[in-house]
Amino acid sequence: MNAATDGQRDWARRQDAAQPGEGRGRPRRLTPRERDDIVRRLREGERAQDLAREYGVSLSLIQQHRP
């Protein structure tokens, strides 16, 4: 094995371990039900950062749905 192949294998392993919506391809989209839930929870005072982490999306996506 050469170093390039080892590096590629390590990269692929990290990508496989990534959370949904992280690390490759198009960012994860929210379903209408998830959007409604996020808006409700933001109104109830939950932090946008916590919701972004829970749903596996960016903070900016959560902030777009602020009431």
Protein backbone atom coordinates (compact mmCIF):
# COMPACT_ATOMS: atom_id res chain seq x y z
CA MET A 1 0.00 0.00 0.00
CA ASN A 2 1.13 3.50 -0.62
CA ALA A 3 0.45 6.60 1.44
CA ALA A 4 -2.06 8.02 -1.06
CA THR A 5 -4.25 4.92 -0.80
CA ASP A 6 -4.07 4.96 3.00
CA GLY A 7 -5.01 8.64 3.01
CA GLN A 8 -7.95 8.01 0.69
CA ARG A 9 -9.19 5.18 2.87
CA ASP A 10 -8.97 7.37 5.99
CA TRP A 11 -10.85 10.16 4.21
CA ALA A 12 -13.60 7.75 3.11
CA ARG A 13 -13.91 6.38 6.65
CA ARG A 14 -14.35 9.88 8.07
CA GLN A 15 -16.97 10.69 5.44
CA ASP A 16 -18.92 7.54 6.27
CA ALA A 17 -18.89 8.52 9.95
CA ALA A 18 -20.18 12.04 9.25
CA GLN A 19 -23.61 12.97 10.51
CA PRO A 20 -26.40 13.20 7.93
CA GLY A 21 -26.10 16.44 6.04
CA GLU A 22 -22.48 16.96 7.06
CA GLY A 23 -19.39 16.66 4.97
CA ARG A 24 -20.58 15.77 1.50
CA GLY A 25 -23.17 16.55 -1.10
CA ARG A 26 -26.12 18.83 -0.76
CA PRO A 27 -26.97 19.99 2.77
CA ARG A 28 -29.83 18.25 4.51
CA ARG A 29 -33.27 19.77 4.00
CA LEU A 30 -35.96 20.01 6.64
CA THR A 31 -39.34 18.39 6.21
CA PRO A 32 -42.42 20.60 6.70
CA ARG A 33 -43.07 18.85 10.01
CA GLU A 34 -39.52 19.53 11.20
CA ARG A 35 -39.85 23.20 10.19
CA ASP A 36 -43.07 23.55 12.16
CA ASP A 37 -41.47 21.88 15.17
CA ILE A 38 -38.44 24.18 14.99
CA VAL A 39 -40.58 27.33 14.77
CA ARG A 40 -42.64 26.18 17.77
CA ARG A 41 -39.55 25.35 19.81
CA LEU A 42 -37.89 28.68 18.94
CA ARG A 43 -41.04 30.47 20.13
CA GLU A 44 -40.82 28.49 23.37
CA GLY A 45 -37.32 29.83 23.91
CA GLU A 46 -35.03 27.01 22.80
CA ARG A 47 -31.66 28.05 21.44
CA ALA A 48 -31.20 27.96 17.66
CA GLN A 49 -27.72 26.48 18.10
CA ASP A 50 -29.11 23.53 20.07
CA LEU A 51 -31.80 22.88 17.46
CA ALA A 52 -29.27 23.05 14.61
CA ARG A 53 -27.14 20.42 16.32
CA GLU A 54 -30.14 18.19 17.05
CA TYR A 55 -31.45 18.31 13.47
CA GLY A 56 -28.00 18.10 11.88
CA VAL A 57 -28.34 21.35 9.94
CA SER A 58 -26.55 24.68 9.94
CA LEU A 59 -27.32 27.43 12.41
CA SER A 60 -28.17 29.76 9.51
CA LEU A 61 -30.85 27.34 8.29
CA ILE A 62 -32.48 27.35 11.73
CA GLN A 63 -32.26 31.15 11.91
CA GLN A 64 -34.16 31.43 8.62
CA HIS A 65 -37.17 29.99 10.43
CA ARG A 66 -37.13 32.35 13.42
CA PRO A 67 -40.62 33.60 14.24
